[in-house]
Amino acid sequence: MKSSMKLNIREIALFGMLGALMYASKMALEFLPNVHLIAVFIAAETAVYRKKALYPLYTFVLLTGLLNGFSVWWWPYLYIWTVLWGAVMLIPEKKIPENILPFVYMAVCALHGFLYGTLYAPYQALAFHLDFHGMLAWIAAGLPYDAIHGLSNFFCAMLVLPLVKVMKQAQKLVIN
């Protein structure tokens, strides 16, 4: 029985480069708080590679820890980005009209950005011994940043389908 998660050498190289590209894009936009292309890459990679999109996602997470430190802020990366991957996996792409699909990706990416602080909060509560009210206060304090994150994800996600198209074309060239 062939495993769907087994990688060949080409995929190992590709997913390593995609993870590195995700990290580089985040560093390039670091001067803009909460504006980055991580959601765009995760959505596009998931649309093209499905389960295997977890490889570049966790390459990005590992690179982030290695190059920026495995500090208290890093640990939620182990699950926060996987939530977005899971949401994109649930999109029935073939059943959604082509003219509506870009807005679906934009909405999913935006929702993840708006909920980022809320998704982060349970870890913060555990790490800093916050009670429920402390966790809610932490979420409330981050709402302006989550608003920026959600709005920027919404507009950046216009790049998802063009990126999917390029990735599929590149995949055909390499396979043939």
C-alpha atoms as a PDB file:
ATOM      1  CA  MET A   1       0.000   0.000   0.000  1.00  0.00           C
ATOM      2  CA  LYS A   2       1.441   3.366  -1.067  1.00  0.00           C
ATOM      3  CA  SER A   3       1.391   6.140   1.535  1.00  0.00           C
ATOM      4  CA  SER A   4       0.027   9.474   0.303  1.00  0.00           C
ATOM      5  CA  MET A   5       2.492  11.290   2.578  1.00  0.00           C
ATOM      6  CA  LYS A   6       5.612   9.563   1.206  1.00  0.00           C
ATOM      7  CA  LEU A   7       7.961  12.029  -0.479  1.00  0.00           C
ATOM      8  CA  ASN A   8      10.273  11.668  -3.429  1.00  0.00           C
ATOM      9  CA  ILE A   9      13.507  13.659  -3.771  1.00  0.00           C
ATOM     10  CA  ARG A  10      11.857  16.308  -5.961  1.00  0.00           C
ATOM     11  CA  GLU A  11       9.137  16.883  -3.348  1.00  0.00           C
ATOM     12  CA  ILE A  12      11.656  17.074  -0.500  1.00  0.00           C
ATOM     13  CA  ALA A  13      13.532  19.809  -2.387  1.00  0.00           C
ATOM     14  CA  LEU A  14      10.320  21.581  -3.433  1.00  0.00           C
ATOM     15  CA  PHE A  15       8.749  21.576   0.030  1.00  0.00           C
ATOM     16  CA  GLY A  16      12.011  22.709   1.613  1.00  0.00           C
ATOM     17  CA  MET A  17      12.176  25.628  -0.819  1.00  0.00           C
ATOM     18  CA  LEU A  18       8.501  26.508  -0.299  1.00  0.00           C
ATOM     19  CA  GLY A  19       8.994  26.535   3.477  1.00  0.00           C
ATOM     20  CA  ALA A  20      12.081  28.724   3.071  1.00  0.00           C
ATOM     21  CA  LEU A  21      10.162  31.018   0.708  1.00  0.00           C
ATOM     22  CA  MET A  22       7.410  31.371   3.311  1.00  0.00           C
ATOM     23  CA  TYR A  23       9.996  32.342   5.931  1.00  0.00           C
ATOM     24  CA  ALA A  24      11.789  34.763   3.573  1.00  0.00           C
ATOM     25  CA  SER A  25       8.507  36.431   2.615  1.00  0.00           C
ATOM     26  CA  LYS A  26       7.640  36.924   6.280  1.00  0.00           C
ATOM     27  CA  MET A  27      11.044  38.465   6.999  1.00  0.00           C
ATOM     28  CA  ALA A  28      10.779  40.718   3.922  1.00  0.00           C
ATOM     29  CA  LEU A  29       7.488  42.146   5.215  1.00  0.00           C
ATOM     30  CA  GLU A  30       8.550  42.302   8.853  1.00  0.00           C
ATOM     31  CA  PHE A  31       8.491  46.107   8.769  1.00  0.00           C
ATOM     32  CA  LEU A  32       4.676  45.931   8.358  1.00  0.00           C
ATOM     33  CA  PRO A  33       3.203  44.576  11.613  1.00  0.00           C
ATOM     34  CA  ASN A  34       0.851  41.613  11.039  1.00  0.00           C
ATOM     35  CA  VAL A  35       1.123  41.875   7.256  1.00  0.00           C
ATOM     36  CA  HIS A  36       2.649  38.840   5.541  1.00  0.00           C
ATOM     37  CA  LEU A  37       1.970  36.203   2.914  1.00  0.00           C
ATOM     38  CA  ILE A  38       1.984  33.104   5.134  1.00  0.00           C
ATOM     39  CA  ALA A  39      -1.775  32.546   4.775  1.00  0.00           C
ATOM     40  CA  VAL A  40      -1.463  32.955   0.994  1.00  0.00           C
ATOM     41  CA  PHE A  41       1.251  30.306   0.800  1.00  0.00           C
ATOM     42  CA  ILE A  42      -0.556  27.903   3.140  1.00  0.00           C
ATOM     43  CA  ALA A  43      -3.821  28.237   1.210  1.00  0.00           C
ATOM     44  CA  ALA A  44      -2.174  27.833  -2.205  1.00  0.00           C
ATOM     45  CA  GLU A  45       0.056  24.949  -1.126  1.00  0.00           C
ATOM     46  CA  THR A  46      -2.910  23.198   0.471  1.00  0.00           C
ATOM     47  CA  ALA A  47      -5.026  23.648  -2.659  1.00  0.00           C
ATOM     48  CA  VAL A  48      -2.275  22.082  -4.778  1.00  0.00           C
ATOM     49  CA  TYR A  49      -0.571  19.543  -2.488  1.00  0.00           C
ATOM     50  CA  ARG A  50      -3.383  18.785   0.002  1.00  0.00           C
ATOM     51  CA  LYS A  51      -1.984  16.759   2.969  1.00  0.00           C
ATOM     52  CA  LYS A  52       1.568  17.199   1.763  1.00  0.00           C
ATOM     53  CA  ALA A  53       1.216  20.970   2.286  1.00  0.00           C
ATOM     54  CA  LEU A  54       2.017  20.194   5.919  1.00  0.00           C
ATOM     55  CA  TYR A  55       5.660  19.660   4.900  1.00  0.00           C
ATOM     56  CA  PRO A  56       6.354  23.242   3.740  1.00  0.00           C
ATOM     57  CA  LEU A  57       4.155  24.570   6.552  1.00  0.00           C
ATOM     58  CA  TYR A  58       6.222  22.848   9.237  1.00  0.00           C
ATOM     59  CA  THR A  59       9.453  23.657   7.403  1.00  0.00           C
ATOM     60  CA  PHE A  60       8.430  27.303   7.804  1.00  0.00           C
ATOM     61  CA  VAL A  61       7.589  26.748  11.486  1.00  0.00           C
ATOM     62  CA  LEU A  62      10.917  24.995  12.131  1.00  0.00           C
ATOM     63  CA  LEU A  63      12.900  27.673  10.276  1.00  0.00           C
ATOM     64  CA  THR A  64      11.129  30.350  12.278  1.00  0.00           C
ATOM     65  CA  GLY A  65      12.143  28.670  15.519  1.00  0.00           C
ATOM     66  CA  LEU A  66      15.707  27.967  14.403  1.00  0.00           C
ATOM     67  CA  LEU A  67      16.341  31.477  13.095  1.00  0.00           C
ATOM     68  CA  ASN A  68      14.282  33.528  15.557  1.00  0.00           C
ATOM     69  CA  GLY A  69      14.507  31.362  18.670  1.00  0.00           C
ATOM     70  CA  PHE A  70      12.252  28.763  20.206  1.00  0.00           C
ATOM     71  CA  SER A  71      10.821  31.324  22.585  1.00  0.00           C
ATOM     72  CA  VAL A  72       7.432  31.534  24.251  1.00  0.00           C
ATOM     73  CA  TRP A  73       5.846  33.186  21.186  1.00  0.00           C
ATOM     74  CA  TRP A  74       6.949  30.308  18.889  1.00  0.00           C
ATOM     75  CA  TRP A  75       5.132  27.336  20.436  1.00  0.00           C
ATOM     76  CA  PRO A  76       1.629  28.287  19.202  1.00  0.00           C
ATOM     77  CA  TYR A  77       3.014  28.177  15.648  1.00  0.00           C
ATOM     78  CA  LEU A  78       2.848  24.394  16.043  1.00  0.00           C
ATOM     79  CA  TYR A  79      -0.956  24.557  15.854  1.00  0.00           C
ATOM     80  CA  ILE A  80      -2.054  28.021  14.685  1.00  0.00           C
ATOM     81  CA  TRP A  81      -1.029  27.560  11.056  1.00  0.00           C
ATOM     82  CA  THR A  82      -2.417  24.027  11.004  1.00  0.00           C
ATOM     83  CA  VAL A  83      -5.862  25.480  11.765  1.00  0.00           C
ATOM     84  CA  LEU A  84      -5.657  27.457   8.514  1.00  0.00           C
ATOM     85  CA  TRP A  85      -4.434  24.374   6.642  1.00  0.00           C
ATOM     86  CA  GLY A  86      -7.414  22.410   8.012  1.00  0.00           C
ATOM     87  CA  ALA A  87      -9.877  25.134   7.028  1.00  0.00           C
ATOM     88  CA  VAL A  88      -8.513  25.199   3.472  1.00  0.00           C
ATOM     89  CA  MET A  89      -8.665  21.386   3.314  1.00  0.00           C
ATOM     90  CA  LEU A  90     -12.414  21.686   3.986  1.00  0.00           C
ATOM     91  CA  ILE A  91     -13.067  23.986   1.016  1.00  0.00           C
ATOM     92  CA  PRO A  92     -14.913  21.960  -1.651  1.00  0.00           C
ATOM     93  CA  GLU A  93     -13.024  23.706  -4.456  1.00  0.00           C
ATOM     94  CA  LYS A  94     -14.610  21.727  -7.305  1.00  0.00           C
ATOM     95  CA  LYS A  95     -18.149  22.543  -6.100  1.00  0.00           C
ATOM     96  CA  ILE A  96     -17.640  26.298  -5.829  1.00  0.00           C
ATOM     97  CA  PRO A  97     -18.147  28.457  -8.954  1.00  0.00           C
ATOM     98  CA  GLU A  98     -14.866  29.758 -10.353  1.00  0.00           C
ATOM     99  CA  ASN A  99     -15.883  33.409  -9.920  1.00  0.00           C
ATOM    100  CA  ILE A 100     -16.737  32.836  -6.221  1.00  0.00           C
ATOM    101  CA  LEU A 101     -13.667  30.769  -5.252  1.00  0.00           C
ATOM    102  CA  PRO A 102     -11.278  33.752  -4.849  1.00  0.00           C
ATOM    103  CA  PHE A 103     -13.653  35.270  -2.293  1.00  0.00           C
ATOM    104  CA  VAL A 104     -13.836  31.981  -0.395  1.00  0.00           C
ATOM    105  CA  TYR A 105     -10.045  31.918  -0.051  1.00  0.00           C
ATOM    106  CA  MET A 106     -10.030  35.597   0.877  1.00  0.00           C
ATOM    107  CA  ALA A 107     -12.684  35.002   3.556  1.00  0.00           C
ATOM    108  CA  VAL A 108     -10.918  31.955   5.033  1.00  0.00           C
ATOM    109  CA  CYS A 109      -7.551  33.729   5.167  1.00  0.00           C
ATOM    110  CA  ALA A 110      -9.163  36.851   6.658  1.00  0.00           C
ATOM    111  CA  LEU A 111     -11.022  34.830   9.286  1.00  0.00           C
ATOM    112  CA  HIS A 112      -7.780  33.156  10.327  1.00  0.00           C
ATOM    113  CA  GLY A 113      -6.128  36.569  10.674  1.00  0.00           C
ATOM    114  CA  PHE A 114      -9.031  37.983  12.699  1.00  0.00           C
ATOM    115  CA  LEU A 115      -8.974  34.931  14.987  1.00  0.00           C
ATOM    116  CA  TYR A 116      -5.188  34.708  15.293  1.00  0.00           C
ATOM    117  CA  GLY A 117      -5.060  36.225  18.781  1.00  0.00           C
ATOM    118  CA  THR A 118      -7.974  34.100  19.946  1.00  0.00           C
ATOM    119  CA  LEU A 119      -6.231  30.980  18.647  1.00  0.00           C
ATOM    120  CA  TYR A 120      -3.049  32.085  20.384  1.00  0.00           C
ATOM    121  CA  ALA A 121      -4.825  32.831  23.689  1.00  0.00           C
ATOM    122  CA  PRO A 122      -5.131  29.314  25.179  1.00  0.00           C
ATOM    123  CA  TYR A 123      -1.366  28.848  24.962  1.00  0.00           C
ATOM    124  CA  GLN A 124      -0.764  32.312  26.444  1.00  0.00           C
ATOM    125  CA  ALA A 125      -3.148  31.500  29.295  1.00  0.00           C
ATOM    126  CA  LEU A 126      -1.253  28.302  30.066  1.00  0.00           C
ATOM    127  CA  ALA A 127       2.221  29.816  29.630  1.00  0.00           C
ATOM    128  CA  PHE A 128       1.511  32.887  31.763  1.00  0.00           C
ATOM    129  CA  HIS A 129      -0.955  31.341  34.232  1.00  0.00           C
ATOM    130  CA  LEU A 130      -3.845  33.542  33.134  1.00  0.00           C
ATOM    131  CA  ASP A 131      -7.335  32.805  34.345  1.00  0.00           C
ATOM    132  CA  PHE A 132     -10.253  33.004  31.907  1.00  0.00           C
ATOM    133  CA  HIS A 133     -10.695  36.760  32.460  1.00  0.00           C
ATOM    134  CA  GLY A 134      -6.981  37.322  31.964  1.00  0.00           C
ATOM    135  CA  MET A 135      -7.131  35.376  28.728  1.00  0.00           C
ATOM    136  CA  LEU A 136     -10.091  37.475  27.537  1.00  0.00           C
ATOM    137  CA  ALA A 137      -8.175  40.648  28.428  1.00  0.00           C
ATOM    138  CA  TRP A 138      -5.204  39.366  26.435  1.00  0.00           C
ATOM    139  CA  ILE A 139      -7.496  38.723  23.438  1.00  0.00           C
ATOM    140  CA  ALA A 140      -9.084  42.178  23.767  1.00  0.00           C
ATOM    141  CA  ALA A 141      -5.687  43.882  23.926  1.00  0.00           C
ATOM    142  CA  GLY A 142      -4.710  42.200  20.669  1.00  0.00           C
ATOM    143  CA  LEU A 143      -7.878  43.024  18.714  1.00  0.00           C
ATOM    144  CA  PRO A 144      -6.374  45.998  16.828  1.00  0.00           C
ATOM    145  CA  TYR A 145      -3.491  43.783  15.669  1.00  0.00           C
ATOM    146  CA  ASP A 146      -5.890  40.983  14.722  1.00  0.00           C
ATOM    147  CA  ALA A 147      -7.916  43.503  12.713  1.00  0.00           C
ATOM    148  CA  ILE A 148      -4.795  44.477  10.746  1.00  0.00           C
ATOM    149  CA  HIS A 149      -3.925  40.795  10.331  1.00  0.00           C
ATOM    150  CA  GLY A 150      -7.414  39.878   9.103  1.00  0.00           C
ATOM    151  CA  LEU A 151      -7.686  42.796   6.691  1.00  0.00           C
ATOM    152  CA  SER A 152      -4.225  42.266   5.263  1.00  0.00           C
ATOM    153  CA  ASN A 153      -4.904  38.524   4.873  1.00  0.00           C
ATOM    154  CA  PHE A 154      -8.135  39.363   3.040  1.00  0.00           C
ATOM    155  CA  PHE A 155      -6.388  41.494   0.446  1.00  0.00           C
ATOM    156  CA  CYS A 156      -3.238  39.372   0.194  1.00  0.00           C
ATOM    157  CA  ALA A 157      -5.399  36.290  -0.413  1.00  0.00           C
ATOM    158  CA  MET A 158      -6.243  37.672  -3.843  1.00  0.00           C
ATOM    159  CA  LEU A 159      -2.909  36.050  -4.728  1.00  0.00           C
ATOM    160  CA  VAL A 160      -3.987  32.512  -3.748  1.00  0.00           C
ATOM    161  CA  LEU A 161      -5.521  31.388  -7.045  1.00  0.00           C
ATOM    162  CA  PRO A 162      -2.840  32.967  -9.268  1.00  0.00           C
ATOM    163  CA  LEU A 163      -0.245  31.195  -7.104  1.00  0.00           C
ATOM    164  CA  VAL A 164      -2.201  27.918  -7.355  1.00  0.00           C
ATOM    165  CA  LYS A 165      -2.220  28.271 -11.151  1.00  0.00           C
ATOM    166  CA  VAL A 166       1.541  28.875 -11.281  1.00  0.00           C
ATOM    167  CA  MET A 167       2.241  25.962  -8.928  1.00  0.00           C
ATOM    168  CA  LYS A 168       0.093  23.588 -11.012  1.00  0.00           C
ATOM    169  CA  GLN A 169       1.757  24.713 -14.252  1.00  0.00           C
ATOM    170  CA  ALA A 170       5.218  24.273 -12.709  1.00  0.00           C
ATOM    171  CA  GLN A 171       4.243  20.828 -11.472  1.00  0.00           C
ATOM    172  CA  LYS A 172       3.186  19.790 -15.009  1.00  0.00           C
ATOM    173  CA  LEU A 173       6.508  21.022 -16.436  1.00  0.00           C
ATOM    174  CA  VAL A 174       8.538  19.058 -13.911  1.00  0.00           C
ATOM    175  CA  ILE A 175       6.514  15.873 -14.276  1.00  0.00           C
ATOM    176  CA  ASN A 176       6.564  15.892 -18.116  1.00  0.00           C
END
